[in-house]
Amino acid sequence: MIRRIIVIDREKCNGCGQCARACHEGAIGMVDGKAALLREDYCDGLGDCLPACPADAISFEEREAAPYDAEAVRASKVRATAAAQDAAVPGELRNFPVQLKLASPAAPCFDGADLLVAADCAAYAYANFHADFIRGRAVLIGCPKLDGVNYAGKLEQIFREHDVRSVTLARMTVPCCGGLAFAVQTALAQCGKDIPLRVVTIRPDGTIAP
């Protein structure tokens, strides 16, 4: 049948994958780093993927194509949901609460810990945050701009009272994260201990800045 269906310009495609995430039917996938129409019968021709594409690589065309198969799409979603549940990965968080405002400086989780101090937004931006940052670390999160607090004093107390082995600061590129970096660096400078600090800066798109 002749119907409206999407066409993807692979030359324009930058491989961001946003169209695949926007396609509720699962018609689009990534092939060799580029977006591709995987199933014509999954494409409903409504174009939810078009505004998601930052490279303007997707358009409509009228051509001979298999009819949209709503039942096949529904069955595919059921299978995907079941597979996701079977493959669910447990979280790596081992201490609670994690909010700097709520955490007690006397909490035993800081004894001998590798400590992660993270901006509130970091875990939402970086997809593999649990595996790459939380695993094996005690966790504290905060945002001085929202909390209205300079956390240097509480962090200094934690560093003084516990044998913290290392500190990883996961911050965003946005300027407001400078307050969290300042608090960590000030606390380390004043605690009287030589604790290694690693700073990782995450962009809003989830990539790590050099």
N, C-alpha and C. Protein backbone atom coordinates (compact mmCIF):
# COMPACT_ATOMS: atom_id res chain seq x y z
N MET A 1 0.84 -1.20 0.00
CA MET A 1 0.00 0.00 0.00
C MET A 1 0.87 1.25 0.00
N ILE A 2 0.33 2.34 -0.58
CA ILE A 2 1.03 3.61 -0.57
C ILE A 2 0.64 4.36 0.70
N ARG A 3 1.62 4.72 1.49
CA ARG A 3 1.33 5.47 2.71
C ARG A 3 2.52 6.33 3.11
N ARG A 4 2.28 7.22 4.08
CA ARG A 4 3.34 8.10 4.56
C ARG A 4 4.22 7.35 5.55
N ILE A 5 5.52 7.47 5.35
CA ILE A 5 6.47 6.77 6.20
C ILE A 5 7.74 7.61 6.30
N ILE A 6 8.51 7.40 7.35
CA ILE A 6 9.70 8.23 7.51
C ILE A 6 10.82 7.75 6.61
N VAL A 7 11.74 8.65 6.31
CA VAL A 7 12.97 8.31 5.61
C VAL A 7 14.11 9.00 6.37
N ILE A 8 15.20 8.28 6.59
CA ILE A 8 16.33 8.79 7.37
C ILE A 8 17.52 9.01 6.45
N ASP A 9 18.04 10.21 6.47
CA ASP A 9 19.23 10.56 5.69
C ASP A 9 20.46 10.19 6.51
N ARG A 10 21.10 9.10 6.15
CA ARG A 10 22.24 8.62 6.94
C ARG A 10 23.44 9.55 6.84
N GLU A 11 23.51 10.35 5.81
CA GLU A 11 24.61 11.30 5.69
C GLU A 11 24.48 12.41 6.73
N LYS A 12 23.24 12.83 6.98
CA LYS A 12 23.00 13.88 7.97
C LYS A 12 23.01 13.35 9.39
N CYS A 13 22.64 12.09 9.57
CA CYS A 13 22.49 11.51 10.91
C CYS A 13 23.80 11.60 11.68
N ASN A 14 23.74 12.12 12.92
CA ASN A 14 24.94 12.23 13.75
C ASN A 14 25.05 11.11 14.78
N GLY A 15 24.11 10.16 14.73
CA GLY A 15 24.20 9.00 15.61
C GLY A 15 23.81 9.25 17.05
N CYS A 16 23.08 10.33 17.33
CA CYS A 16 22.75 10.67 18.73
C CYS A 16 21.73 9.70 19.34
N GLY A 17 20.91 9.06 18.51
CA GLY A 17 19.94 8.09 19.00
C GLY A 17 18.66 8.68 19.56
N GLN A 18 18.49 10.00 19.48
CA GLN A 18 17.30 10.61 20.06
C GLN A 18 16.02 10.19 19.33
N CYS A 19 16.12 9.96 18.04
CA CYS A 19 14.93 9.54 17.28
C CYS A 19 14.49 8.14 17.71
N ALA A 20 15.46 7.27 17.97
CA ALA A 20 15.13 5.91 18.40
C ALA A 20 14.43 5.93 19.75
N ARG A 21 14.89 6.82 20.64
CA ARG A 21 14.24 6.94 21.95
C ARG A 21 12.85 7.55 21.84
N ALA A 22 12.66 8.42 20.85
CA ALA A 22 11.37 9.10 20.69
C ALA A 22 10.34 8.23 20.00
N CYS A 23 10.79 7.20 19.29
CA CYS A 23 9.87 6.35 18.54
C CYS A 23 9.21 5.36 19.49
N HIS A 24 7.94 5.60 19.81
CA HIS A 24 7.24 4.76 20.77
C HIS A 24 6.93 3.37 20.22
N GLU A 25 7.00 3.21 18.91
CA GLU A 25 6.67 1.93 18.28
C GLU A 25 7.89 1.01 18.15
N GLY A 26 9.09 1.55 18.33
CA GLY A 26 10.28 0.74 18.17
C GLY A 26 10.66 0.49 16.72
N ALA A 27 10.20 1.38 15.84
CA ALA A 27 10.49 1.21 14.41
C ALA A 27 11.92 1.61 14.07
N ILE A 28 12.53 2.48 14.89
CA ILE A 28 13.86 3.01 14.60
C ILE A 28 14.87 2.39 15.56
N GLY A 29 16.04 2.06 15.03
CA GLY A 29 17.14 1.57 15.85
C GLY A 29 18.45 2.10 15.32
N MET A 30 19.53 1.78 16.00
CA MET A 30 20.86 2.23 15.59
C MET A 30 21.59 1.08 14.91
N VAL A 31 22.08 1.34 13.71
CA VAL A 31 22.82 0.36 12.93
C VAL A 31 24.14 0.98 12.51
N ASP A 32 25.25 0.40 12.97
CA ASP A 32 26.58 0.93 12.66
C ASP A 32 26.69 2.40 13.03
N GLY A 33 26.12 2.76 14.18
CA GLY A 33 26.25 4.12 14.68
C GLY A 33 25.32 5.13 14.05
N LYS A 34 24.40 4.69 13.21
CA LYS A 34 23.46 5.60 12.54
C LYS A 34 22.03 5.10 12.75
N ALA A 35 21.08 6.04 12.75
CA ALA A 35 19.67 5.66 12.88
C ALA A 35 19.20 4.97 11.60
N ALA A 36 18.33 3.99 11.79
CA ALA A 36 17.79 3.25 10.64
C ALA A 36 16.35 2.83 10.94
N LEU A 37 15.53 2.80 9.89
CA LEU A 37 14.16 2.29 10.01
C LEU A 37 14.24 0.77 9.98
N LEU A 38 14.01 0.14 11.12
CA LEU A 38 14.18 -1.31 11.24
C LEU A 38 12.96 -2.08 10.75
N ARG A 39 11.77 -1.53 11.03
CA ARG A 39 10.53 -2.22 10.67
C ARG A 39 9.55 -1.22 10.08
N GLU A 40 9.27 -1.35 8.79
CA GLU A 40 8.29 -0.47 8.16
C GLU A 40 6.91 -0.62 8.80
N ASP A 41 6.56 -1.87 9.15
CA ASP A 41 5.22 -2.10 9.69
C ASP A 41 5.07 -1.60 11.13
N TYR A 42 6.19 -1.15 11.75
CA TYR A 42 6.12 -0.54 13.09
C TYR A 42 5.99 0.99 13.00
N CYS A 43 6.24 1.56 11.84
CA CYS A 43 6.19 3.02 11.68
C CYS A 43 4.75 3.46 11.41
N ASP A 44 4.20 4.27 12.34
CA ASP A 44 2.81 4.70 12.17
C ASP A 44 2.68 5.96 11.32
N GLY A 45 3.80 6.55 10.92
CA GLY A 45 3.77 7.72 10.06
C GLY A 45 3.36 9.01 10.75
N LEU A 46 3.32 9.00 12.10
CA LEU A 46 2.92 10.22 12.83
C LEU A 46 4.10 11.15 13.09
N GLY A 47 5.29 10.60 13.10
CA GLY A 47 6.48 11.45 13.13
C GLY A 47 6.90 11.98 14.48
N ASP A 48 6.70 11.22 15.57
CA ASP A 48 7.23 11.66 16.87
C ASP A 48 8.75 11.81 16.84
N CYS A 49 9.39 11.11 15.91
CA CYS A 49 10.84 11.15 15.81
C CYS A 49 11.37 12.43 15.17
N LEU A 50 10.53 13.11 14.37
CA LEU A 50 11.03 14.27 13.62
C LEU A 50 11.55 15.39 14.52
N PRO A 51 10.76 15.87 15.49
CA PRO A 51 11.26 16.97 16.32
C PRO A 51 12.40 16.56 17.24
N ALA A 52 12.59 15.24 17.43
CA ALA A 52 13.68 14.79 18.30
C ALA A 52 15.03 14.82 17.61
N CYS A 53 15.04 14.94 16.28
CA CYS A 53 16.29 14.87 15.52
C CYS A 53 16.96 16.23 15.44
N PRO A 54 18.14 16.40 16.06
CA PRO A 54 18.82 17.70 16.02
C PRO A 54 19.54 17.96 14.69
N ALA A 55 19.68 16.92 13.86
CA ALA A 55 20.42 17.06 12.60
C ALA A 55 19.51 17.22 11.40
N ASP A 56 18.20 17.27 11.64
CA ASP A 56 17.23 17.39 10.55
C ASP A 56 17.44 16.28 9.52
N ALA A 57 17.67 15.06 10.03
CA ALA A 57 17.97 13.94 9.14
C ALA A 57 16.75 13.08 8.83
N ILE A 58 15.58 13.44 9.38
CA ILE A 58 14.38 12.63 9.18
C ILE A 58 13.30 13.44 8.47
N SER A 59 12.67 12.82 7.51
CA SER A 59 11.57 13.47 6.79
C SER A 59 10.54 12.40 6.44
N PHE A 60 9.42 12.84 5.85
CA PHE A 60 8.39 11.91 5.40
C PHE A 60 8.50 11.69 3.90
N GLU A 61 8.07 10.50 3.46
CA GLU A 61 7.87 10.27 2.04
C GLU A 61 6.64 9.40 1.85
N GLU A 62 6.01 9.54 0.71
CA GLU A 62 4.87 8.70 0.34
C GLU A 62 5.37 7.62 -0.58
N ARG A 63 5.25 6.36 -0.15
CA ARG A 63 5.76 5.27 -0.98
C ARG A 63 5.07 3.96 -0.63
N GLU A 64 5.35 2.96 -1.43
CA GLU A 64 4.86 1.62 -1.14
C GLU A 64 5.52 1.10 0.13
N ALA A 65 4.72 0.70 1.09
CA ALA A 65 5.26 0.21 2.35
C ALA A 65 4.26 -0.74 2.99
N ALA A 66 4.77 -1.61 3.84
CA ALA A 66 3.90 -2.51 4.58
C ALA A 66 2.97 -1.70 5.47
N PRO A 67 1.73 -2.11 5.65
CA PRO A 67 0.81 -1.36 6.50
C PRO A 67 1.27 -1.39 7.96
N TYR A 68 0.90 -0.34 8.67
CA TYR A 68 1.22 -0.26 10.09
C TYR A 68 0.53 -1.40 10.83
N ASP A 69 1.29 -2.14 11.65
CA ASP A 69 0.76 -3.31 12.35
C ASP A 69 0.74 -3.02 13.85
N ALA A 70 -0.37 -2.46 14.32
CA ALA A 70 -0.49 -2.07 15.72
C ALA A 70 -0.36 -3.27 16.66
N GLU A 71 -0.88 -4.41 16.26
CA GLU A 71 -0.81 -5.60 17.10
C GLU A 71 0.63 -6.09 17.26
N ALA A 72 1.40 -6.03 16.17
CA ALA A 72 2.80 -6.44 16.24
C ALA A 72 3.59 -5.49 17.14
N VAL A 73 3.27 -4.22 17.06
CA VAL A 73 3.94 -3.23 17.92
C VAL A 73 3.63 -3.52 19.38
N ARG A 74 2.35 -3.78 19.67
CA ARG A 74 1.94 -4.07 21.05
C ARG A 74 2.67 -5.31 21.58
N ALA A 75 2.73 -6.36 20.78
CA ALA A 75 3.40 -7.59 21.19
C ALA A 75 4.89 -7.36 21.42
N SER A 76 5.49 -6.52 20.58
CA SER A 76 6.91 -6.21 20.73
C SER A 76 7.17 -5.47 22.04
N LYS A 77 6.27 -4.55 22.39
CA LYS A 77 6.42 -3.81 23.65
C LYS A 77 6.31 -4.74 24.85
N VAL A 78 5.39 -5.68 24.78
CA VAL A 78 5.23 -6.65 25.87
C VAL A 78 6.51 -7.46 26.04
N ARG A 79 7.08 -7.91 24.92
CA ARG A 79 8.31 -8.70 24.99
C ARG A 79 9.46 -7.86 25.54
N ALA A 80 9.54 -6.60 25.10
CA ALA A 80 10.62 -5.74 25.56
C ALA A 80 10.51 -5.45 27.05
N THR A 81 9.29 -5.24 27.54
CA THR A 81 9.08 -4.99 28.97
C THR A 81 9.48 -6.20 29.79
N ALA A 82 9.11 -7.38 29.33
CA ALA A 82 9.46 -8.61 30.04
C ALA A 82 10.97 -8.82 30.06
N ALA A 83 11.62 -8.54 28.93
CA ALA A 83 13.07 -8.70 28.86
C ALA A 83 13.77 -7.72 29.78
N ALA A 84 13.26 -6.48 29.85
CA ALA A 84 13.86 -5.47 30.71
C ALA A 84 13.73 -5.86 32.18
N GLN A 85 12.60 -6.43 32.54
CA GLN A 85 12.41 -6.87 33.91
C GLN A 85 13.33 -8.03 34.26
N ASP A 86 13.53 -8.93 33.31
CA ASP A 86 14.42 -10.06 33.55
C ASP A 86 15.87 -9.62 33.68
N ALA A 87 16.21 -8.54 32.94
CA ALA A 87 17.59 -8.08 32.93
C ALA A 87 17.83 -6.91 33.88
N ALA A 88 16.89 -6.63 34.77
CA ALA A 88 17.04 -5.50 35.68
C ALA A 88 18.30 -5.63 36.52
N VAL A 89 19.06 -4.54 36.57
CA VAL A 89 20.32 -4.53 37.32
C VAL A 89 20.09 -3.86 38.67
N PRO A 90 20.47 -4.51 39.77
CA PRO A 90 20.28 -3.88 41.07
C PRO A 90 21.16 -2.64 41.23
N GLY A 91 20.70 -1.69 42.02
CA GLY A 91 21.45 -0.48 42.24
C GLY A 91 22.67 -0.73 43.11
N GLU A 92 23.61 0.21 43.07
CA GLU A 92 24.87 0.09 43.80
C GLU A 92 24.89 0.90 45.10
N LEU A 93 23.81 1.61 45.40
CA LEU A 93 23.79 2.47 46.58
C LEU A 93 23.84 1.64 47.85
N ARG A 94 24.75 2.01 48.77
CA ARG A 94 24.92 1.24 50.00
C ARG A 94 24.70 2.07 51.26
N ASN A 95 24.49 3.35 51.14
CA ASN A 95 24.23 4.18 52.33
C ASN A 95 23.03 5.08 52.08
N PHE A 96 22.36 5.45 53.16
CA PHE A 96 21.19 6.32 53.07
C PHE A 96 20.99 6.99 54.43
N PRO A 97 20.63 8.28 54.47
CA PRO A 97 20.35 9.16 53.33
C PRO A 97 21.63 9.59 52.63
N VAL A 98 21.46 10.07 51.40
CA VAL A 98 22.60 10.53 50.62
C VAL A 98 22.65 12.05 50.50
N GLN A 99 21.55 12.72 50.80
CA GLN A 99 21.52 14.18 50.68
C GLN A 99 22.41 14.80 51.76
N LEU A 100 23.32 15.65 51.33
CA LEU A 100 24.26 16.28 52.26
C LEU A 100 23.55 16.97 53.42
N LYS A 101 22.41 17.54 53.12
CA LYS A 101 21.66 18.27 54.14
C LYS A 101 21.16 17.33 55.24
N LEU A 102 20.92 16.07 54.89
CA LEU A 102 20.34 15.11 55.83
C LEU A 102 21.38 14.18 56.45
N ALA A 103 22.49 13.98 55.76
CA ALA A 103 23.49 13.01 56.22
C ALA A 103 24.14 13.45 57.52
N SER A 104 24.36 12.49 58.42
CA SER A 104 25.04 12.76 59.69
C SER A 104 26.54 12.62 59.50
N PRO A 105 27.33 13.61 59.92
CA PRO A 105 28.79 13.48 59.82
C PRO A 105 29.34 12.30 60.62
N ALA A 106 28.56 11.80 61.56
CA ALA A 106 29.01 10.69 62.39
C ALA A 106 28.65 9.33 61.80
N ALA A 107 28.01 9.29 60.66
CA ALA A 107 27.56 8.03 60.07
C ALA A 107 28.74 7.09 59.83
N PRO A 108 28.63 5.84 60.24
CA PRO A 108 29.75 4.89 60.09
C PRO A 108 30.09 4.54 58.65
N CYS A 109 29.21 4.85 57.72
CA CYS A 109 29.48 4.51 56.32
C CYS A 109 30.70 5.26 55.77
N PHE A 110 31.13 6.32 56.45
CA PHE A 110 32.28 7.10 55.98
C PHE A 110 33.61 6.53 56.45
N ASP A 111 33.58 5.58 57.39
CA ASP A 111 34.82 5.00 57.92
C ASP A 111 35.52 4.19 56.84
N GLY A 112 36.73 4.59 56.50
CA GLY A 112 37.51 3.87 55.50
C GLY A 112 36.92 3.90 54.11
N ALA A 113 36.07 4.90 53.83
CA ALA A 113 35.31 4.91 52.58
C ALA A 113 36.03 5.67 51.47
N ASP A 114 35.79 5.22 50.26
CA ASP A 114 36.00 6.05 49.08
C ASP A 114 34.70 6.81 48.93
N LEU A 115 34.76 8.13 48.96
CA LEU A 115 33.56 8.96 49.02
C LEU A 115 33.26 9.60 47.67
N LEU A 116 32.01 9.50 47.26
CA LEU A 116 31.52 10.20 46.09
C LEU A 116 30.68 11.39 46.54
N VAL A 117 31.07 12.58 46.14
CA VAL A 117 30.25 13.78 46.34
C VAL A 117 29.74 14.19 44.97
N ALA A 118 28.43 14.16 44.79
CA ALA A 118 27.87 14.34 43.45
C ALA A 118 26.84 15.46 43.43
N ALA A 119 26.84 16.22 42.35
CA ALA A 119 25.77 17.19 42.12
C ALA A 119 24.46 16.45 41.90
N ASP A 120 23.36 17.04 42.37
CA ASP A 120 22.05 16.39 42.25
C ASP A 120 21.76 15.94 40.82
N CYS A 121 22.15 16.75 39.84
CA CYS A 121 21.79 16.47 38.44
C CYS A 121 22.64 15.39 37.79
N ALA A 122 23.79 15.07 38.38
CA ALA A 122 24.76 14.22 37.71
C ALA A 122 24.21 12.85 37.34
N ALA A 123 23.49 12.23 38.28
CA ALA A 123 22.99 10.88 38.02
C ALA A 123 21.92 10.85 36.94
N TYR A 124 21.24 11.98 36.73
CA TYR A 124 20.22 12.04 35.67
C TYR A 124 20.86 12.25 34.31
N ALA A 125 22.01 12.89 34.28
CA ALA A 125 22.68 13.17 33.00
C ALA A 125 23.52 11.98 32.53
N TYR A 126 24.18 11.30 33.48
CA TYR A 126 25.12 10.24 33.11
C TYR A 126 24.43 8.89 33.28
N ALA A 127 24.22 8.20 32.17
CA ALA A 127 23.37 7.00 32.15
C ALA A 127 23.91 5.87 33.02
N ASN A 128 25.21 5.69 33.07
CA ASN A 128 25.80 4.56 33.79
C ASN A 128 26.35 4.98 35.15
N PHE A 129 25.61 5.87 35.81
CA PHE A 129 26.12 6.49 37.03
C PHE A 129 26.37 5.49 38.15
N HIS A 130 25.47 4.54 38.33
CA HIS A 130 25.64 3.57 39.42
C HIS A 130 26.91 2.75 39.23
N ALA A 131 27.10 2.21 38.05
CA ALA A 131 28.25 1.34 37.81
C ALA A 131 29.57 2.10 37.81
N ASP A 132 29.57 3.30 37.23
CA ASP A 132 30.83 4.02 37.05
C ASP A 132 31.19 4.92 38.24
N PHE A 133 30.21 5.32 39.03
CA PHE A 133 30.50 6.26 40.11
C PHE A 133 30.10 5.76 41.50
N ILE A 134 28.91 5.20 41.64
CA ILE A 134 28.42 4.83 42.97
C ILE A 134 29.05 3.53 43.47
N ARG A 135 29.30 2.60 42.58
CA ARG A 135 29.79 1.28 42.99
C ARG A 135 31.04 1.39 43.88
N GLY A 136 30.96 0.81 45.06
CA GLY A 136 32.10 0.76 45.97
C GLY A 136 32.36 2.03 46.73
N ARG A 137 31.45 3.01 46.64
CA ARG A 137 31.68 4.29 47.31
C ARG A 137 30.52 4.65 48.24
N ALA A 138 30.84 5.39 49.31
CA ALA A 138 29.80 6.06 50.08
C ALA A 138 29.40 7.30 49.28
N VAL A 139 28.13 7.67 49.35
CA VAL A 139 27.60 8.70 48.45
C VAL A 139 26.99 9.86 49.22
N LEU A 140 27.31 11.07 48.78
CA LEU A 140 26.67 12.28 49.26
C LEU A 140 26.31 13.12 48.04
N ILE A 141 25.10 13.66 48.01
CA ILE A 141 24.69 14.51 46.90
C ILE A 141 24.22 15.86 47.43
N GLY A 142 24.35 16.88 46.60
CA GLY A 142 23.89 18.20 47.01
C GLY A 142 23.91 19.19 45.88
N CYS A 143 23.28 20.31 46.11
CA CYS A 143 23.28 21.43 45.18
C CYS A 143 23.24 22.71 46.01
N PRO A 144 24.37 23.38 46.20
CA PRO A 144 24.40 24.58 47.03
C PRO A 144 23.41 25.66 46.57
N LYS A 145 23.16 25.70 45.25
CA LYS A 145 22.25 26.73 44.75
C LYS A 145 20.84 26.48 45.25
N LEU A 146 20.40 25.22 45.23
CA LEU A 146 19.04 24.89 45.69
C LEU A 146 18.97 24.79 47.21
N ASP A 147 20.01 24.21 47.81
CA ASP A 147 19.99 24.01 49.25
C ASP A 147 20.26 25.28 50.03
N GLY A 148 20.94 26.24 49.39
CA GLY A 148 21.26 27.49 50.07
C GLY A 148 22.24 27.30 51.21
N VAL A 149 23.15 26.32 51.07
CA VAL A 149 24.07 25.98 52.14
C VAL A 149 25.48 25.84 51.58
N ASN A 150 26.48 26.32 52.33
CA ASN A 150 27.87 26.03 52.00
C ASN A 150 28.24 24.78 52.80
N TYR A 151 28.46 23.69 52.11
CA TYR A 151 28.67 22.41 52.77
C TYR A 151 30.11 22.17 53.20
N ALA A 152 30.96 23.16 53.09
CA ALA A 152 32.37 22.97 53.43
C ALA A 152 32.53 22.51 54.88
N GLY A 153 31.77 23.09 55.81
CA GLY A 153 31.90 22.74 57.22
C GLY A 153 31.54 21.30 57.51
N LYS A 154 30.43 20.83 56.96
CA LYS A 154 30.00 19.45 57.19
C LYS A 154 30.98 18.48 56.55
N LEU A 155 31.44 18.78 55.34
CA LEU A 155 32.39 17.90 54.68
C LEU A 155 33.71 17.85 55.43
N GLU A 156 34.17 19.00 55.94
CA GLU A 156 35.41 19.03 56.71
C GLU A 156 35.28 18.14 57.95
N GLN A 157 34.12 18.18 58.60
CA GLN A 157 33.90 17.34 59.79
C GLN A 157 33.96 15.87 59.42
N ILE A 158 33.36 15.51 58.29
CA ILE A 158 33.41 14.11 57.83
C ILE A 158 34.85 13.69 57.57
N PHE A 159 35.61 14.56 56.91
CA PHE A 159 36.99 14.22 56.58
C PHE A 159 37.84 14.09 57.85
N ARG A 160 37.58 14.94 58.84
CA ARG A 160 38.35 14.92 60.09
C ARG A 160 38.03 13.69 60.94
N GLU A 161 36.76 13.32 61.00
CA GLU A 161 36.33 12.28 61.93
C GLU A 161 36.38 10.87 61.36
N HIS A 162 36.64 10.76 60.07
CA HIS A 162 36.65 9.44 59.44
C HIS A 162 37.90 9.28 58.58
N ASP A 163 38.30 8.06 58.41
CA ASP A 163 39.46 7.74 57.58
C ASP A 163 39.02 7.60 56.13
N VAL A 164 38.60 8.73 55.54
CA VAL A 164 38.16 8.73 54.14
C VAL A 164 39.39 8.51 53.25
N ARG A 165 39.33 7.51 52.39
CA ARG A 165 40.50 7.14 51.59
C ARG A 165 40.65 8.01 50.34
N SER A 166 39.54 8.38 49.74
CA SER A 166 39.59 9.20 48.53
C SER A 166 38.26 9.89 48.34
N VAL A 167 38.27 10.95 47.55
CA VAL A 167 37.04 11.69 47.24
C VAL A 167 36.93 11.83 45.73
N THR A 168 35.79 11.46 45.20
CA THR A 168 35.47 11.72 43.80
C THR A 168 34.35 12.75 43.77
N LEU A 169 34.57 13.83 43.08
CA LEU A 169 33.54 14.86 42.90
C LEU A 169 32.97 14.74 41.50
N ALA A 170 31.68 14.43 41.39
CA ALA A 170 30.99 14.36 40.10
C ALA A 170 30.11 15.60 39.99
N ARG A 171 30.53 16.54 39.18
CA ARG A 171 29.81 17.79 39.01
C ARG A 171 29.38 17.97 37.57
N MET A 172 28.49 18.92 37.35
CA MET A 172 28.06 19.25 36.00
C MET A 172 28.88 20.43 35.47
N THR A 173 28.79 20.66 34.16
CA THR A 173 29.51 21.78 33.56
C THR A 173 28.88 23.12 33.91
N VAL A 174 27.65 23.12 34.42
CA VAL A 174 26.94 24.37 34.69
C VAL A 174 27.61 25.13 35.83
N PRO A 175 27.59 26.47 35.79
CA PRO A 175 28.30 27.27 36.79
C PRO A 175 27.87 27.03 38.23
N CYS A 176 26.59 26.69 38.46
CA CYS A 176 26.13 26.53 39.84
C CYS A 176 26.83 25.38 40.54
N CYS A 177 27.42 24.44 39.79
CA CYS A 177 28.15 23.35 40.41
C CYS A 177 29.49 23.82 40.99
N GLY A 178 29.88 25.04 40.64
CA GLY A 178 31.11 25.57 41.21
C GLY A 178 31.05 25.66 42.72
N GLY A 179 29.86 25.89 43.27
CA GLY A 179 29.70 25.97 44.72
C GLY A 179 30.00 24.65 45.39
N LEU A 180 29.61 23.54 44.75
CA LEU A 180 29.88 22.22 45.33
C LEU A 180 31.38 21.93 45.26
N ALA A 181 31.99 22.27 44.14
CA ALA A 181 33.43 22.08 44.02
C ALA A 181 34.18 22.90 45.06
N PHE A 182 33.76 24.13 45.27
CA PHE A 182 34.39 25.00 46.26
C PHE A 182 34.29 24.39 47.66
N ALA A 183 33.12 23.85 48.00
CA ALA A 183 32.92 23.26 49.32
C ALA A 183 33.84 22.06 49.53
N VAL A 184 33.93 21.19 48.53
CA VAL A 184 34.78 20.01 48.66
C VAL A 184 36.25 20.41 48.79
N GLN A 185 36.69 21.32 47.92
CA GLN A 185 38.09 21.72 47.94
C GLN A 185 38.45 22.46 49.22
N THR A 186 37.54 23.29 49.71
CA THR A 186 37.78 24.00 50.97
C THR A 186 37.87 23.03 52.13
N ALA A 187 36.96 22.07 52.19
CA ALA A 187 36.96 21.08 53.27
C ALA A 187 38.24 20.24 53.25
N LEU A 188 38.69 19.86 52.08
CA LEU A 188 39.92 19.08 51.98
C LEU A 188 41.13 19.90 52.41
N ALA A 189 41.14 21.17 52.07
CA ALA A 189 42.27 22.02 52.44
C ALA A 189 42.33 22.27 53.94
N GLN A 190 41.18 22.24 54.62
CA GLN A 190 41.13 22.60 56.03
C GLN A 190 41.08 21.41 56.98
N CYS A 191 40.93 20.20 56.43
CA CYS A 191 40.75 19.04 57.32
C CYS A 191 42.05 18.53 57.92
N GLY A 192 43.19 18.98 57.39
CA GLY A 192 44.47 18.55 57.94
C GLY A 192 44.92 17.18 57.45
N LYS A 193 44.27 16.64 56.42
CA LYS A 193 44.64 15.34 55.89
C LYS A 193 44.91 15.45 54.39
N ASP A 194 45.73 14.54 53.91
CA ASP A 194 46.04 14.50 52.48
C ASP A 194 45.17 13.43 51.82
N ILE A 195 43.96 13.84 51.41
CA ILE A 195 43.00 12.91 50.82
C ILE A 195 42.96 13.16 49.32
N PRO A 196 43.21 12.14 48.50
CA PRO A 196 43.20 12.33 47.04
C PRO A 196 41.81 12.76 46.55
N LEU A 197 41.81 13.70 45.61
CA LEU A 197 40.56 14.20 45.02
C LEU A 197 40.59 13.97 43.51
N ARG A 198 39.52 13.40 43.01
CA ARG A 198 39.32 13.26 41.56
C ARG A 198 38.05 14.02 41.20
N VAL A 199 38.14 14.91 40.21
CA VAL A 199 36.99 15.69 39.77
C VAL A 199 36.58 15.23 38.38
N VAL A 200 35.30 14.87 38.25
CA VAL A 200 34.74 14.47 36.95
C VAL A 200 33.64 15.45 36.61
N THR A 201 33.74 16.06 35.45
CA THR A 201 32.77 17.06 35.02
C THR A 201 31.90 16.49 33.90
N ILE A 202 30.60 16.48 34.13
CA ILE A 202 29.66 15.84 33.22
C ILE A 202 28.85 16.90 32.47
N ARG A 203 28.76 16.75 31.16
CA ARG A 203 27.95 17.66 30.36
C ARG A 203 26.47 17.26 30.47
N PRO A 204 25.53 18.18 30.19
CA PRO A 204 24.12 17.83 30.22
C PRO A 204 23.72 16.71 29.27
N ASP A 205 24.51 16.49 28.21
CA ASP A 205 24.19 15.40 27.27
C ASP A 205 24.72 14.05 27.75
N GLY A 206 25.33 14.02 28.93
CA GLY A 206 25.79 12.76 29.51
C GLY A 206 27.22 12.40 29.20
N THR A 207 27.92 13.19 28.41
CA THR A 207 29.32 12.92 28.13
C THR A 207 30.19 13.59 29.19
N ILE A 208 31.40 13.11 29.31
CA ILE A 208 32.34 13.65 30.30
C ILE A 208 33.25 14.66 29.64
N ALA A 209 33.34 15.84 30.22
CA ALA A 209 34.18 16.90 29.68
C ALA A 209 35.64 16.59 29.99
N PRO A 210 36.55 16.98 29.10
CA PRO A 210 37.97 16.73 29.35
C PRO A 210 38.49 17.57 30.51
